[in-house]
């Protein structure tokens, strides 16, 4: 199947959170979000939005699990937030059993997912965040699996809260 994508631009941390919330609101149990982008690109802000969209309390403090590898947040579905930046090899990921989260009841958001794409499930939705300026981010959502394409189709139907969106779509 051909890869589909939707491109957004956000001009603040809040707009990045709002886009994550928009995505989180349409996710279902079993979905996997593969987050990619350099340090400071907004992966954790985006995940805060995912958590809000999944019904996690706005009072929950969403932080990158750089040292613990995974944080769990309870909402409509459990959000399993992974950060694999500090792992040195795919064998470290597998020996820690982190791949088992792909098949649990919940939603997985994994930062630095581009390190070992071969271990990711086919149904993943890739989210790439690129720094364009001090607060400006280009956020590309893409996937080729039927579930990823369904998510991309649904996200375009949802209004973005509290911000203007700039969308170029190749669906």
Protein backbone atom coordinates (compact mmCIF):
# COMPACT_ATOMS: atom_id res chain seq x y z
CA UNK A 1 0.00 0.00 0.00
CA UNK A 2 1.21 3.53 -0.79
CA UNK A 3 2.25 5.75 2.12
CA UNK A 4 -0.14 8.59 2.95
CA UNK A 5 0.69 11.72 4.89
CA UNK A 6 -0.71 14.92 6.34
CA UNK A 7 1.51 17.92 7.09
CA UNK A 8 0.84 20.54 9.75
CA UNK A 9 2.74 23.60 10.88
CA UNK A 10 2.53 24.74 14.49
CA UNK A 11 3.78 28.07 15.77
CA UNK A 12 3.88 27.39 19.53
CA UNK A 13 4.14 24.65 22.13
CA UNK A 14 0.39 25.03 22.71
CA UNK A 15 -0.38 24.43 19.02
CA UNK A 16 1.81 21.32 19.11
CA UNK A 17 -0.12 20.11 22.17
CA UNK A 18 -3.42 20.89 20.40
CA UNK A 19 -2.40 18.81 17.38
CA UNK A 20 -1.43 15.93 19.69
CA UNK A 21 -4.80 16.26 21.44
CA UNK A 22 -6.58 16.15 18.09
CA UNK A 23 -4.76 12.91 17.23
CA UNK A 24 -5.21 11.41 20.70
CA UNK A 25 -8.98 11.94 20.52
CA UNK A 26 -9.27 9.57 17.55
CA UNK A 27 -6.81 6.88 18.64
CA UNK A 28 -7.96 3.41 19.62
CA UNK A 29 -6.57 0.65 21.76
CA UNK A 30 -3.61 -0.96 19.97
CA UNK A 31 -2.51 2.14 18.05
CA UNK A 32 1.20 2.96 17.91
CA UNK A 33 2.65 6.43 17.37
CA UNK A 34 6.30 6.51 16.24
CA UNK A 35 7.72 9.93 17.17
CA UNK A 36 10.81 11.23 15.41
CA UNK A 37 12.65 14.53 15.57
CA UNK A 38 15.78 16.10 16.94
CA UNK A 39 16.19 17.18 20.56
CA UNK A 40 13.86 20.06 21.33
CA UNK A 41 11.56 19.49 18.38
CA UNK A 42 8.47 18.97 20.55
CA UNK A 43 8.03 15.20 20.83
CA UNK A 44 7.12 15.42 24.51
CA UNK A 45 4.78 18.41 23.99
CA UNK A 46 3.05 16.40 21.26
CA UNK A 47 2.77 13.44 23.63
CA UNK A 48 1.22 15.71 26.29
CA UNK A 49 -1.45 16.47 23.70
CA UNK A 50 -1.90 12.77 22.91
CA UNK A 51 -2.45 12.16 26.62
CA UNK A 52 -5.08 14.92 26.81
CA UNK A 53 -6.85 13.55 23.73
CA UNK A 54 -6.87 10.11 25.32
CA UNK A 55 -8.58 11.51 28.42
CA UNK A 56 -5.58 11.65 30.73
CA UNK A 57 -6.12 14.27 33.45
CA UNK A 58 -4.88 17.75 32.47
CA UNK A 59 -3.15 17.77 35.87
CA UNK A 60 -0.96 14.81 34.87
CA UNK A 61 2.63 15.82 34.31
CA UNK A 62 3.79 14.25 31.06
CA UNK A 63 7.56 14.03 30.93
CA UNK A 64 9.94 12.21 28.67
CA UNK A 65 10.85 8.86 30.24
CA UNK A 66 14.52 9.22 29.26
CA UNK A 67 15.80 7.34 32.31
CA UNK A 68 12.85 5.09 33.15
CA UNK A 69 12.28 4.15 29.45
CA UNK A 70 8.49 4.12 29.85
CA UNK A 71 5.80 6.14 31.62
CA UNK A 72 2.16 5.08 31.82
CA UNK A 73 -0.80 7.46 31.92
CA UNK A 74 -4.38 6.35 32.54
CA UNK A 75 -7.13 7.75 30.34
CA UNK A 76 -9.74 6.34 27.98
CA UNK A 77 -6.92 3.93 27.08
CA UNK A 78 -3.59 3.62 28.86
CA UNK A 79 -0.89 5.67 27.17
CA UNK A 80 2.49 3.92 27.20
CA UNK A 81 5.05 6.68 26.58
CA UNK A 82 8.50 5.32 25.65
CA UNK A 83 11.79 7.09 25.12
CA UNK A 84 14.52 4.88 23.66
CA UNK A 85 17.16 7.61 23.27
CA UNK A 86 19.49 6.11 25.89
CA UNK A 87 19.34 2.54 24.58
CA UNK A 88 22.43 1.57 22.61
CA UNK A 89 21.19 -1.37 20.56
CA UNK A 90 17.99 -3.01 19.42
CA UNK A 91 18.91 -5.95 21.65
CA UNK A 92 18.61 -3.61 24.67
CA UNK A 93 15.08 -2.71 23.56
CA UNK A 94 14.10 -6.34 23.07
CA UNK A 95 15.73 -7.64 26.26
CA UNK A 96 13.84 -4.98 28.26
CA UNK A 97 10.61 -6.40 26.81
CA UNK A 98 9.52 -3.04 25.45
CA UNK A 99 8.26 -4.60 22.22
CA UNK A 100 5.56 -6.36 24.28
CA UNK A 101 3.84 -2.99 24.80
CA UNK A 102 2.97 -2.95 21.09
CA UNK A 103 0.51 -5.77 21.80
CA UNK A 104 -0.99 -4.61 25.10
CA UNK A 105 -4.30 -2.88 25.73
CA UNK A 106 -3.44 0.76 25.26
CA UNK A 107 -1.74 3.23 22.95
CA UNK A 108 2.05 3.41 22.53
CA UNK A 109 3.90 6.67 21.81
CA UNK A 110 7.60 6.02 21.27
CA UNK A 111 10.16 8.82 21.04
CA UNK A 112 13.20 8.22 18.79
CA UNK A 113 11.30 5.51 16.91
CA UNK A 114 13.45 5.98 13.80
CA UNK A 115 16.42 4.32 15.53
CA UNK A 116 15.20 0.79 14.79
CA UNK A 117 12.26 0.94 12.37
CA UNK A 118 12.50 -2.80 11.73
CA UNK A 119 11.07 -3.56 15.19
CA UNK A 120 8.02 -1.32 14.82
CA UNK A 121 4.61 -2.77 13.99
CA UNK A 122 3.29 -2.19 10.47
CA UNK A 123 0.20 -0.40 11.78
CA UNK A 124 2.24 2.45 13.30
CA UNK A 125 1.60 6.08 12.52
CA UNK A 126 4.87 7.97 12.10
CA UNK A 127 5.02 11.53 13.44
CA UNK A 128 8.07 13.54 12.40
CA UNK A 129 8.68 16.93 14.03
CA UNK A 130 11.09 19.32 12.30
CA UNK A 131 12.26 22.62 13.77
CA UNK A 132 11.66 25.42 11.23
CA UNK A 133 12.27 28.32 13.61
CA UNK A 134 12.29 29.29 17.27
CA UNK A 135 8.65 28.20 17.82
CA UNK A 136 7.72 26.98 14.33
CA UNK A 137 7.45 23.24 13.73
CA UNK A 138 6.60 21.17 10.66
CA UNK A 139 4.81 18.02 11.81
CA UNK A 140 4.31 15.22 9.29
CA UNK A 141 1.97 12.35 10.11
CA UNK A 142 2.40 9.36 7.80
CA UNK A 143 1.71 5.67 7.40
CA UNK A 144 0.83 3.01 4.88
CA UNK A 145 -1.08 0.41 6.90
CA UNK A 146 -4.90 0.59 6.58
CA UNK A 147 -5.20 1.63 10.26
CA UNK A 148 -2.68 4.47 9.79
CA UNK A 149 -4.53 5.66 6.67
CA UNK A 150 -7.81 5.55 8.62
CA UNK A 151 -6.26 7.72 11.35
CA UNK A 152 -4.96 10.20 8.76
CA UNK A 153 -8.37 10.41 7.12
CA UNK A 154 -10.09 10.96 10.47
CA UNK A 155 -7.66 13.59 11.73
CA UNK A 156 -8.34 15.78 8.72
CA UNK A 157 -12.04 15.77 9.64
CA UNK A 158 -11.43 17.09 13.17
CA UNK A 159 -11.06 20.80 13.89
CA UNK A 160 -7.91 21.87 15.66
CA UNK A 161 -8.68 23.54 19.02
CA UNK A 162 -7.26 26.96 19.90
CA UNK A 163 -5.17 27.44 16.76
CA UNK A 164 -5.14 27.88 13.03
CA UNK A 165 -3.88 24.93 11.06
CA UNK A 166 -1.96 24.86 7.84
CA UNK A 167 -2.50 21.52 6.13
CA UNK A 168 -0.99 20.16 2.96
CA UNK A 169 -2.31 16.69 2.36
CA UNK A 170 -1.22 13.98 -0.03
CA UNK A 171 -3.84 11.45 1.01
